[in-house]
Amino acid sequence: MLRKFAKLTATAGGAFGVRQVVRTRSTAATSATGIPRSVRREKLARSARVARLSARRAGHFASVKARGAATNEARRAELDQEFLIRSAEDVAKELGNMKGAMMKAGQMLSFLFDGLPPEAQRSLATLRADAPPMAPSLAAKVIADELGASPEDLFLSWTDLPLAAASIGQVHKATLRDGREVAVKVQYPGIDTALESDLVNVRAMFKAFSNIALKGMDVDTLTSELYARMLDELDYEHEAACQTEFAERYAGHPFVRIPAVVPEFSTRKVLTTEWVDGIGWDEFLESSTEPQRQYVGEVLFRFIQGSIYRDGVFNGDPHPGNYLFGTSGTADTDEPLVTFLDFGLVKRWEEGELESLTPLTEPLLRGDSDELVTNMVNAGFLPAGHGLEPAQVWEYVIKPYTPFLEEPYTYAPDFVQSALGGLLEVDGPLAEVMNKLDMPSSFVILDRVVWGMSAMLGHLRASNSWRTMLEEYTTDSEPSTDLGRREAAWALLR
């Protein structure tokens, strides 16, 4: 694991040559290349930060190896542990302060490090937490530029300090003149200009990862898909349209709540939605009862699978910060209301995409390795003439789907850590399978959703008959739980 992490951090930014051409109509001062100097300086600064991070980690790694060569095995293990912890802290600090694509990439990769020591995992977990907020004056300027007036003139009340700050924007609470409480998401100034150069760094990071694991991965295809989704996230008008679509699609749903968009206070860089009271993920885990956690586990699973298989459009960012939990206001139920937030990273199936993926599930779950491998070649997961034994392929790809083989199944907190440990074992018995697998672009966001959902179900210790429940969405089988029956009754009235 030490060599894997060292190679990732040492090569992710060590040889950057930012060659992209940035097209802009800005009237700001430009260099000889035609790129505004301020933009060019920011791009170079961001790439330099990643390069310095790489240099620090490479230097530290060389020092650890030199010191370890002259000592005993126990001391070498201690030095290795120290390197992993300090590297995680360094990576989290740098990427956590780099709003935009680098922080988003760090968030998307962070769950891959669950095999690290607990101290290192805690450091990398900060990539999923709030980012440093922008100054109140900057947020006010974005509001004025986008909506034509200051926050104080537009709203009855406005909180200068954000309630949450993420990779691309931050959220303020406000009250409209008609008395409605709203959440106002404000995009960081200049985050769009950093995106293209950041994607060069992200591509290098993923290339480094593919040198460690999944060597057959088409990194250019993967990062192109991420780039397209991140462009969507930068356009709050696009997010408003997606959130409105989901809100309309789930109107009156028995257990899914989605805040309505306030279009007259929303633009490309400002998104205003109705305010929803509730507690966040960590507080819910601490204060909830066992039945409440089981209820939420099923709600999350049904919302995700229903979106993927029935609606053909799904939220690609199952981030713990994207959920709120509240009370129903009635005394006869202990079921928490679950509100789904943030529809910036949404994947919509294009024609034929889902059809190319669904033939994999049935043979995978029934253990038909021959049919599975044939379908994987057809879908682009394996090259023709790969030479792999079908049984080996099945053994490798079944790991994240083990909850569907045993009913009922209880997710453990270390489920993702355990499953990924087998998938990323570069010297293990299934290394040949790992090295020949690719990830089609259609699967990039779906894969993120599968792992993100699994991690959340693990923290909830959710227990259910997941395969039977999945078949409700993949084969239209009869509802298997009370929530399923309530959802089916709602669907009949749509």
Protein backbone atom coordinates (compact mmCIF):
# COMPACT_ATOMS: atom_id res chain seq x y z
CA MET A 1 0.00 0.00 0.00
CA LEU A 2 2.90 2.37 0.74
CA ARG A 3 4.29 2.04 -2.77
CA LYS A 4 0.83 2.50 -4.29
CA PHE A 5 0.22 5.72 -2.38
CA ALA A 6 3.75 7.02 -2.95
CA LYS A 7 3.53 6.44 -6.68
CA LEU A 8 0.16 8.15 -6.88
CA THR A 9 1.23 11.29 -5.01
CA ALA A 10 4.65 11.46 -6.62
CA THR A 11 3.53 11.23 -10.22
CA ALA A 12 0.18 13.01 -10.12
CA GLY A 13 1.72 16.39 -10.84
CA GLY A 14 5.43 15.92 -11.36
CA ALA A 15 5.72 16.69 -15.06
CA PHE A 16 2.98 19.10 -15.96
CA GLY A 17 3.07 20.91 -19.24
CA VAL A 18 -0.05 23.01 -19.40
CA ARG A 19 -0.53 23.32 -23.14
CA GLN A 20 -4.20 24.06 -23.46
CA VAL A 21 -5.32 27.26 -25.17
CA VAL A 22 -7.86 29.29 -23.23
CA ARG A 23 -10.32 31.23 -25.35
CA THR A 24 -11.60 34.38 -23.70
CA ARG A 25 -13.22 37.64 -24.65
CA SER A 26 -11.92 39.38 -21.55
CA THR A 27 -10.57 42.87 -21.96
CA ALA A 28 -8.05 42.31 -19.16
CA ALA A 29 -4.35 42.68 -19.80
CA THR A 30 -3.03 39.78 -21.81
CA SER A 31 0.30 38.14 -22.33
CA ALA A 32 1.88 37.41 -25.70
CA THR A 33 -0.17 34.22 -25.86
CA GLY A 34 -3.42 36.19 -25.73
CA ILE A 35 -4.37 34.72 -22.36
CA PRO A 36 -5.23 37.27 -19.64
CA ARG A 37 -2.23 37.54 -17.33
CA SER A 38 -4.30 37.13 -14.18
CA VAL A 39 -5.85 33.93 -15.54
CA ARG A 40 -2.51 32.62 -16.71
CA ARG A 41 -0.91 33.34 -13.32
CA GLU A 42 -3.72 31.52 -11.51
CA LYS A 43 -3.45 28.48 -13.80
CA LEU A 44 0.32 28.30 -13.37
CA ALA A 45 0.01 28.76 -9.62
CA ARG A 46 -2.48 25.89 -9.31
CA SER A 47 -0.31 23.55 -11.39
CA ALA A 48 2.74 24.60 -9.40
CA ARG A 49 1.02 23.72 -6.13
CA VAL A 50 0.33 20.19 -7.35
CA ALA A 51 3.89 19.89 -8.66
CA ARG A 52 5.30 21.00 -5.29
CA LEU A 53 3.04 18.50 -3.55
CA SER A 54 4.43 15.77 -5.81
CA ALA A 55 8.00 16.84 -5.13
CA ARG A 56 7.47 16.87 -1.37
CA ARG A 57 5.94 13.41 -1.38
CA ALA A 58 8.64 11.99 -3.67
CA GLY A 59 11.37 13.48 -1.47
CA HIS A 60 9.77 12.15 1.69
CA PHE A 61 9.36 8.72 0.10
CA ALA A 62 13.05 8.59 -0.86
CA SER A 63 14.00 9.59 2.69
CA VAL A 64 11.80 6.89 4.20
CA LYS A 65 13.32 4.23 1.96
CA ALA A 66 16.86 5.35 2.77
CA ARG A 67 16.20 5.37 6.51
CA GLY A 68 14.37 2.06 6.35
CA ALA A 69 17.23 0.31 4.57
CA ALA A 70 19.43 0.72 7.65
CA THR A 71 16.98 -0.50 10.28
CA ASN A 72 14.87 -3.50 11.27
CA GLU A 73 11.51 -4.57 9.90
CA ALA A 74 9.47 -3.14 12.79
CA ARG A 75 11.05 0.29 12.37
CA ARG A 76 10.50 0.16 8.59
CA ALA A 77 6.81 -0.53 9.17
CA GLU A 78 6.68 2.43 11.56
CA LEU A 79 8.34 4.71 8.97
CA ASP A 80 5.95 3.49 6.28
CA GLN A 81 2.96 4.24 8.51
CA GLU A 82 4.28 7.73 9.21
CA PHE A 83 4.76 8.37 5.49
CA LEU A 84 1.19 7.35 4.68
CA ILE A 85 -0.28 9.56 7.39
CA ARG A 86 1.80 12.62 6.49
CA SER A 87 1.12 12.13 2.77
CA ALA A 88 -2.62 11.95 3.38
CA GLU A 89 -2.46 15.14 5.45
CA ASP A 90 -0.45 16.90 2.72
CA VAL A 91 -2.76 15.78 -0.10
CA ALA A 92 -5.88 16.73 1.84
CA LYS A 93 -4.49 20.16 2.72
CA GLU A 94 -3.49 21.03 -0.84
CA LEU A 95 -6.50 19.65 -2.71
CA GLY A 96 -8.90 20.78 0.01
CA ASN A 97 -7.82 24.38 -0.52
CA MET A 98 -7.97 24.17 -4.32
CA LYS A 99 -11.63 24.77 -5.04
CA GLY A 100 -12.84 23.48 -8.37
CA ALA A 101 -11.89 20.40 -10.34
CA MET A 102 -8.92 19.42 -8.18
CA MET A 103 -10.97 19.36 -4.99
CA LYS A 104 -13.82 17.59 -6.80
CA ALA A 105 -11.36 14.98 -8.13
CA GLY A 106 -9.98 14.56 -4.63
CA GLN A 107 -13.50 13.99 -3.34
CA MET A 108 -14.17 11.43 -6.06
CA LEU A 109 -10.91 9.59 -5.34
CA SER A 110 -10.99 9.85 -1.55
CA PHE A 111 -13.09 6.71 -1.04
CA LEU A 112 -10.35 4.72 -2.81
CA PHE A 113 -8.02 5.22 0.16
CA ASP A 114 -10.08 3.31 2.71
CA GLY A 115 -7.26 0.80 3.06
CA LEU A 116 -4.97 3.42 4.62
CA PRO A 117 -4.34 3.82 8.37
CA PRO A 118 -7.23 5.43 10.30
CA GLU A 119 -5.29 8.68 10.78
CA ALA A 120 -4.73 8.96 7.02
CA GLN A 121 -8.38 8.18 6.31
CA ARG A 122 -9.47 10.96 8.66
CA SER A 123 -7.25 13.44 6.82
CA LEU A 124 -8.57 12.45 3.40
CA ALA A 125 -12.13 12.59 4.74
CA THR A 126 -11.70 16.37 4.92
CA LEU A 127 -11.90 16.39 1.12
CA ARG A 128 -15.56 15.52 1.58
CA ALA A 129 -16.10 18.27 4.13
CA ASP A 130 -16.64 21.99 3.66
CA ALA A 131 -14.08 24.01 1.71
CA PRO A 132 -12.73 27.35 2.99
CA PRO A 133 -15.44 29.97 2.25
CA MET A 134 -14.93 33.10 0.18
CA ALA A 135 -15.07 36.54 1.75
CA PRO A 136 -18.57 37.96 2.28
CA SER A 137 -17.76 40.86 -0.06
CA LEU A 138 -16.95 38.46 -2.90
CA ALA A 139 -20.21 36.56 -2.44
CA ALA A 140 -22.11 39.87 -2.40
CA LYS A 141 -20.40 40.93 -5.62
CA VAL A 142 -21.43 37.72 -7.39
CA ILE A 143 -25.03 38.32 -6.26
CA ALA A 144 -24.94 41.91 -7.51
CA ASP A 145 -23.36 40.95 -10.85
CA GLU A 146 -25.83 38.12 -11.44
CA LEU A 147 -29.07 39.48 -9.97
CA GLY A 148 -28.53 43.21 -10.45
CA ALA A 149 -28.57 44.35 -6.83
CA SER A 150 -26.84 43.73 -3.51
CA PRO A 151 -28.08 40.94 -1.22
CA GLU A 152 -29.35 43.56 1.24
CA ASP A 153 -31.51 45.15 -1.48
CA LEU A 154 -32.76 41.86 -2.92
CA PHE A 155 -33.59 39.95 0.24
CA LEU A 156 -35.46 40.70 3.43
CA SER A 157 -32.58 39.02 5.28
CA TRP A 158 -29.20 37.64 4.20
CA THR A 159 -26.52 35.71 6.12
CA ASP A 160 -23.04 36.99 5.26
CA LEU A 161 -21.38 33.79 6.43
CA PRO A 162 -22.18 30.67 4.40
CA LEU A 163 -23.83 27.65 5.97
CA ALA A 164 -21.81 25.32 3.73
CA ALA A 165 -18.90 25.69 1.32
CA ALA A 166 -18.07 23.06 -1.30
CA SER A 167 -15.76 22.64 -4.28
CA ILE A 168 -17.52 25.03 -6.67
CA GLY A 169 -19.79 27.24 -4.57
CA GLN A 170 -21.15 28.02 -1.13
CA VAL A 171 -24.64 28.27 0.36
CA HIS A 172 -26.17 31.22 2.22
CA LYS A 173 -29.54 31.42 3.96
CA ALA A 174 -31.83 34.30 2.99
CA THR A 175 -35.46 35.42 3.25
CA LEU A 176 -37.36 36.66 0.21
CA ARG A 177 -39.46 39.81 0.38
CA ASP A 178 -42.58 37.66 0.44
CA GLY A 179 -41.36 35.90 3.59
CA ARG A 180 -40.15 32.63 2.06
CA GLU A 181 -36.89 31.28 3.48
CA VAL A 182 -34.45 30.17 0.79
CA ALA A 183 -31.01 28.65 0.30
CA VAL A 184 -28.82 30.66 -2.10
CA LYS A 185 -25.85 28.88 -3.69
CA VAL A 186 -23.20 31.31 -4.96
CA GLN A 187 -20.44 30.19 -7.32
CA TYR A 188 -16.85 31.10 -6.52
CA PRO A 189 -15.56 33.87 -8.83
CA GLY A 190 -13.11 32.60 -11.43
CA ILE A 191 -13.75 28.93 -10.75
CA ASP A 192 -14.72 28.41 -14.39
CA THR A 193 -11.40 29.77 -15.69
CA ALA A 194 -9.49 27.30 -13.51
CA LEU A 195 -11.44 24.28 -14.72
CA GLU A 196 -9.59 23.56 -17.96
CA SER A 197 -6.11 23.68 -16.48
CA ASP A 198 -7.32 21.74 -13.45
CA LEU A 199 -8.48 18.96 -15.74
CA VAL A 200 -4.89 18.61 -16.98
CA ASN A 201 -3.88 17.98 -13.36
CA VAL A 202 -6.82 15.65 -12.81
CA ARG A 203 -5.89 13.67 -15.92
CA ALA A 204 -2.34 13.31 -14.60
CA MET A 205 -3.67 12.18 -11.22
CA PHE A 206 -5.88 9.53 -12.81
CA LYS A 207 -3.07 8.40 -15.12
CA ALA A 208 -0.92 7.88 -12.04
CA PHE A 209 -3.70 5.86 -10.43
CA SER A 210 -4.10 3.74 -13.56
CA ASN A 211 -0.39 2.95 -13.39
CA ILE A 212 -1.05 1.43 -9.98
CA ALA A 213 -4.39 -0.27 -10.57
CA LEU A 214 -6.76 -0.86 -13.50
CA LYS A 215 -3.91 -0.49 -15.99
CA GLY A 216 -6.29 -0.98 -18.89
CA MET A 217 -8.27 2.13 -17.90
CA ASP A 218 -8.82 4.64 -20.71
CA VAL A 219 -7.91 7.73 -18.70
CA ASP A 220 -8.66 10.17 -21.52
CA THR A 221 -12.19 8.82 -21.87
CA LEU A 222 -12.70 8.86 -18.11
CA THR A 223 -11.50 12.44 -17.65
CA SER A 224 -13.49 13.59 -20.68
CA GLU A 225 -16.64 12.28 -19.00
CA LEU A 226 -15.69 14.01 -15.75
CA TYR A 227 -14.95 17.20 -17.66
CA ALA A 228 -18.40 17.16 -19.27
CA ARG A 229 -20.09 16.59 -15.91
CA MET A 230 -18.03 19.33 -14.24
CA LEU A 231 -19.01 21.76 -16.98
CA ASP A 232 -22.59 20.92 -16.11
CA GLU A 233 -21.87 21.66 -12.45
CA LEU A 234 -20.53 25.11 -13.33
CA ASP A 235 -23.82 26.01 -15.00
CA TYR A 236 -26.36 26.62 -12.25
CA GLU A 237 -29.07 27.11 -14.86
CA HIS A 238 -28.43 23.53 -15.91
CA GLU A 239 -28.54 22.43 -12.27
CA ALA A 240 -31.78 24.37 -11.74
CA ALA A 241 -33.34 22.56 -14.70
CA CYS A 242 -32.19 19.16 -13.37
CA GLN A 243 -33.43 19.88 -9.85
CA THR A 244 -36.77 21.10 -11.19
CA GLU A 245 -37.08 17.91 -13.25
CA PHE A 246 -36.39 15.74 -10.20
CA ALA A 247 -38.74 17.81 -8.01
CA GLU A 248 -41.54 17.39 -10.54
CA ARG A 249 -40.76 13.72 -11.07
CA TYR A 250 -40.90 13.02 -7.32
CA ALA A 251 -43.75 15.38 -6.42
CA GLY A 252 -45.91 13.78 -3.75
CA HIS A 253 -43.50 10.87 -3.31
CA PRO A 254 -43.99 9.03 -0.01
CA PHE A 255 -40.36 9.25 1.14
CA VAL A 256 -38.33 11.47 -1.25
CA ARG A 257 -38.22 15.25 -0.80
CA ILE A 258 -36.56 17.62 -3.28
CA PRO A 259 -36.56 21.41 -2.72
CA ALA A 260 -38.18 23.56 -5.40
CA VAL A 261 -36.09 26.03 -7.38
CA VAL A 262 -36.88 29.76 -7.20
CA PRO A 263 -36.18 30.65 -10.86
CA GLU A 264 -36.48 34.44 -10.56
CA PHE A 265 -33.48 34.43 -8.19
CA SER A 266 -31.41 31.91 -10.14
CA THR A 267 -28.83 32.47 -12.89
CA ARG A 268 -25.82 30.69 -14.31
CA LYS A 269 -23.80 31.47 -11.15
CA VAL A 270 -26.51 31.81 -8.50
CA LEU A 271 -29.03 29.10 -7.57
CA THR A 272 -31.88 29.79 -5.16
CA THR A 273 -34.10 27.03 -3.79
CA GLU A 274 -36.67 26.73 -1.05
CA TRP A 275 -35.22 26.34 2.44
CA VAL A 276 -35.49 22.94 4.14
CA ASP A 277 -34.88 22.41 7.86
CA GLY A 278 -33.04 19.31 8.90
CA ILE A 279 -29.87 17.85 10.34
CA GLY A 280 -26.85 16.65 8.39
CA TRP A 281 -25.41 13.18 7.91
CA ASP A 282 -23.04 13.05 10.90
CA GLU A 283 -25.61 14.39 13.33
CA PHE A 284 -28.18 11.93 12.00
CA LEU A 285 -25.82 9.00 12.56
CA GLU A 286 -25.23 10.13 16.13
CA SER A 287 -28.84 10.88 17.10
CA SER A 288 -30.93 8.39 15.10
CA THR A 289 -32.45 5.13 16.25
CA GLU A 290 -31.71 1.78 14.64
CA PRO A 291 -35.12 1.67 12.86
CA GLN A 292 -34.52 5.19 11.53
CA ARG A 293 -31.12 4.20 10.12
CA GLN A 294 -32.63 1.14 8.45
CA TYR A 295 -35.40 3.29 7.01
CA VAL A 296 -32.92 5.82 5.59
CA GLY A 297 -30.79 3.04 4.11
CA GLU A 298 -33.75 1.73 2.14
CA VAL A 299 -34.79 5.25 1.09
CA LEU A 300 -31.31 6.00 -0.28
CA PHE A 301 -31.15 2.67 -2.08
CA ARG A 302 -34.59 3.06 -3.66
CA PHE A 303 -34.02 6.64 -4.75
CA ILE A 304 -30.70 5.77 -6.40
CA GLN A 305 -31.84 2.55 -8.11
CA GLY A 306 -35.16 4.05 -9.19
CA SER A 307 -33.38 7.00 -10.78
CA ILE A 308 -30.90 4.77 -12.60
CA TYR A 309 -33.21 2.08 -13.94
CA ARG A 310 -36.66 3.68 -14.18
CA ASP A 311 -35.98 7.35 -14.80
CA GLY A 312 -32.77 7.05 -16.83
CA VAL A 313 -31.33 10.11 -15.09
CA PHE A 314 -29.58 10.07 -11.73
CA ASN A 315 -27.60 12.19 -9.32
CA GLY A 316 -23.95 11.25 -9.81
CA ASP A 317 -22.68 12.64 -6.50
CA PRO A 318 -23.90 10.55 -3.53
CA HIS A 319 -22.05 12.83 -1.10
CA PRO A 320 -23.09 12.58 2.60
CA GLY A 321 -23.48 16.36 2.58
CA ASN A 322 -26.21 16.11 -0.05
CA TYR A 323 -28.87 14.84 2.35
CA LEU A 324 -30.91 16.43 5.14
CA PHE A 325 -32.96 14.57 7.72
CA GLY A 326 -35.98 16.08 9.44
CA THR A 327 -39.14 15.09 11.27
CA SER A 328 -42.52 14.60 9.67
CA GLY A 329 -44.33 16.70 12.26
CA THR A 330 -46.76 13.90 13.13
CA ALA A 331 -46.75 11.83 16.29
CA ASP A 332 -47.69 8.52 14.70
CA THR A 333 -44.45 7.89 12.81
CA ASP A 334 -40.77 7.73 13.63
CA GLU A 335 -39.76 7.93 9.98
CA PRO A 336 -37.37 10.82 9.26
CA LEU A 337 -38.02 12.98 6.22
CA VAL A 338 -35.13 12.62 3.74
CA THR A 339 -34.36 15.63 1.56
CA PHE A 340 -32.08 15.23 -1.46
CA LEU A 341 -29.87 18.19 -2.39
CA ASP A 342 -27.38 19.25 -5.09
CA PHE A 343 -28.24 18.21 -8.64
CA GLY A 344 -25.22 19.72 -10.36
CA LEU A 345 -23.58 16.40 -11.28
CA VAL A 346 -26.39 14.54 -13.01
CA LYS A 347 -25.90 11.69 -15.48
CA ARG A 348 -28.55 11.13 -18.14
CA TRP A 349 -28.42 7.90 -20.08
CA GLU A 350 -27.92 8.39 -23.79
CA GLU A 351 -29.49 6.00 -26.28
CA GLY A 352 -28.11 2.50 -25.84
CA GLU A 353 -25.95 3.25 -22.76
CA LEU A 354 -28.07 1.57 -20.12
CA GLU A 355 -28.87 -1.28 -22.52
CA SER A 356 -25.14 -1.99 -22.84
CA LEU A 357 -24.71 -2.22 -19.07
CA THR A 358 -27.79 -4.12 -17.90
CA PRO A 359 -26.84 -7.44 -19.60
CA LEU A 360 -23.91 -7.62 -17.15
CA THR A 361 -25.94 -7.77 -13.95
CA GLU A 362 -27.96 -10.95 -14.44
CA PRO A 363 -25.09 -13.31 -15.38
CA LEU A 364 -22.91 -11.67 -12.73
CA LEU A 365 -25.40 -12.40 -9.95
CA ARG A 366 -26.26 -15.93 -11.06
CA GLY A 367 -22.59 -16.83 -11.48
CA ASP A 368 -22.61 -17.40 -15.24
CA SER A 369 -19.02 -16.34 -15.83
CA ASP A 370 -18.96 -17.26 -19.53
CA GLU A 371 -21.95 -15.06 -20.41
CA LEU A 372 -20.62 -12.33 -18.12
CA VAL A 373 -17.27 -12.17 -19.92
CA THR A 374 -18.94 -12.17 -23.35
CA ASN A 375 -21.13 -9.27 -22.31
CA MET A 376 -18.19 -7.42 -20.76
CA VAL A 377 -16.34 -7.57 -24.08
CA ASN A 378 -19.43 -6.31 -25.90
CA ALA A 379 -19.80 -3.43 -23.42
CA GLY A 380 -16.13 -2.40 -23.64
CA PHE A 381 -14.96 -3.54 -20.21
CA LEU A 382 -12.57 -6.10 -21.69
CA PRO A 383 -10.72 -6.25 -25.01
CA ALA A 384 -11.40 -9.06 -27.43
CA GLY A 385 -8.78 -11.76 -27.11
CA HIS A 386 -8.07 -10.86 -23.48
CA GLY A 387 -7.10 -14.44 -22.60
CA LEU A 388 -8.59 -14.36 -19.12
CA GLU A 389 -10.33 -17.24 -17.42
CA PRO A 390 -14.06 -16.40 -17.01
CA ALA A 391 -14.08 -17.68 -13.43
CA GLN A 392 -11.29 -15.25 -12.53
CA VAL A 393 -13.16 -12.35 -14.08
CA TRP A 394 -16.33 -13.19 -12.17
CA GLU A 395 -14.41 -13.50 -8.90
CA TYR A 396 -12.93 -10.05 -9.45
CA VAL A 397 -15.98 -8.08 -10.56
CA ILE A 398 -18.41 -9.64 -8.05
CA LYS A 399 -16.72 -8.00 -5.05
CA PRO A 400 -18.82 -4.80 -4.91
CA TYR A 401 -21.98 -6.86 -5.60
CA THR A 402 -21.65 -9.37 -2.75
CA PRO A 403 -24.60 -7.73 -0.88
CA PHE A 404 -26.82 -9.07 -3.70
CA LEU A 405 -25.71 -12.67 -3.26
CA GLU A 406 -26.89 -13.20 0.31
CA GLU A 407 -30.36 -12.27 1.60
CA PRO A 408 -30.76 -10.53 3.88
CA TYR A 409 -27.37 -8.80 3.87
CA THR A 410 -26.03 -6.26 6.38
CA TYR A 411 -23.53 -3.69 5.11
CA ALA A 412 -20.57 -3.29 7.46
CA PRO A 413 -18.76 0.04 7.95
CA ASP A 414 -15.64 -1.45 6.36
CA PHE A 415 -17.49 -2.91 3.34
CA VAL A 416 -15.94 -0.48 0.82
CA GLN A 417 -12.51 -0.86 2.39
CA SER A 418 -12.72 -4.64 2.19
CA ALA A 419 -14.09 -4.74 -1.36
CA LEU A 420 -11.62 -2.20 -2.70
CA GLY A 421 -8.77 -3.96 -0.95
CA GLY A 422 -9.37 -6.93 -3.22
CA LEU A 423 -9.94 -4.85 -6.35
CA LEU A 424 -6.73 -2.84 -5.96
CA GLU A 425 -4.37 -5.61 -4.91
CA VAL A 426 -1.70 -5.15 -7.59
CA ASP A 427 0.25 -8.25 -6.56
CA GLY A 428 -2.78 -10.41 -5.83
CA PRO A 429 -4.06 -13.51 -7.63
CA LEU A 430 -6.46 -11.43 -9.75
CA ALA A 431 -3.94 -8.79 -10.82
CA GLU A 432 -4.10 -9.94 -14.45
CA VAL A 433 -7.85 -9.25 -14.53
CA MET A 434 -7.35 -5.81 -13.01
CA ASN A 435 -4.69 -4.90 -15.55
CA LYS A 436 -6.89 -5.74 -18.55
CA LEU A 437 -10.12 -4.13 -17.36
CA ASP A 438 -11.20 -0.79 -18.77
CA MET A 439 -13.99 1.51 -17.64
CA PRO A 440 -16.26 2.76 -20.45
CA SER A 441 -17.24 6.40 -20.10
CA SER A 442 -20.88 5.36 -19.59
CA PHE A 443 -19.85 3.61 -16.39
CA VAL A 444 -17.69 6.36 -14.81
CA ILE A 445 -20.42 8.20 -12.94
CA LEU A 446 -22.42 5.04 -12.25
CA ASP A 447 -19.35 3.47 -10.63
CA ARG A 448 -19.00 6.54 -8.41
CA VAL A 449 -22.65 6.15 -7.38
CA VAL A 450 -22.31 2.43 -6.60
CA TRP A 451 -19.33 2.96 -4.31
CA GLY A 452 -20.74 6.10 -2.72
CA MET A 453 -24.04 4.35 -1.97
CA SER A 454 -22.20 1.31 -0.57
CA ALA A 455 -20.15 3.51 1.75
CA MET A 456 -23.26 5.23 3.11
CA LEU A 457 -25.11 1.94 3.59
CA GLY A 458 -22.05 0.68 5.46
CA HIS A 459 -22.09 3.62 7.87
CA LEU A 460 -25.81 3.00 8.43
CA ARG A 461 -25.19 -0.75 8.89
CA ALA A 462 -28.18 -1.12 6.61
CA SER A 463 -29.72 -4.58 6.36
CA ASN A 464 -32.19 -5.73 3.74
CA SER A 465 -32.86 -8.11 0.86
CA TRP A 466 -31.04 -5.89 -1.62
CA ARG A 467 -31.21 -8.19 -4.63
CA THR A 468 -34.96 -8.67 -4.32
CA MET A 469 -35.36 -4.92 -3.96
CA LEU A 470 -33.08 -4.24 -6.96
CA GLU A 471 -35.22 -6.54 -9.13
CA GLU A 472 -38.21 -4.25 -8.51
CA TYR A 473 -36.38 -1.67 -10.63
CA THR A 474 -34.61 -3.91 -13.13
CA THR A 475 -37.40 -6.44 -13.86
CA ASP A 476 -40.53 -4.70 -12.51
CA SER A 477 -41.05 -7.44 -9.95
CA GLU A 478 -43.60 -7.04 -7.15
CA PRO A 479 -42.68 -4.71 -4.25
CA SER A 480 -40.90 -6.60 -1.49
CA THR A 481 -41.19 -4.13 1.42
CA ASP A 482 -43.65 -1.66 2.87
CA LEU A 483 -41.73 1.25 1.35
CA GLY A 484 -41.81 -0.50 -2.01
CA ARG A 485 -45.57 -0.91 -1.81
CA ARG A 486 -46.03 2.73 -0.84
CA GLU A 487 -43.89 3.82 -3.76
CA ALA A 488 -45.82 1.57 -6.15
CA ALA A 489 -49.13 3.05 -4.95
CA TRP A 490 -47.75 6.56 -5.51
CA ALA A 491 -46.57 5.61 -9.03
CA LEU A 492 -50.09 4.51 -9.99
CA LEU A 493 -51.40 8.00 -9.19
CA ARG A 494 -48.78 9.91 -11.20
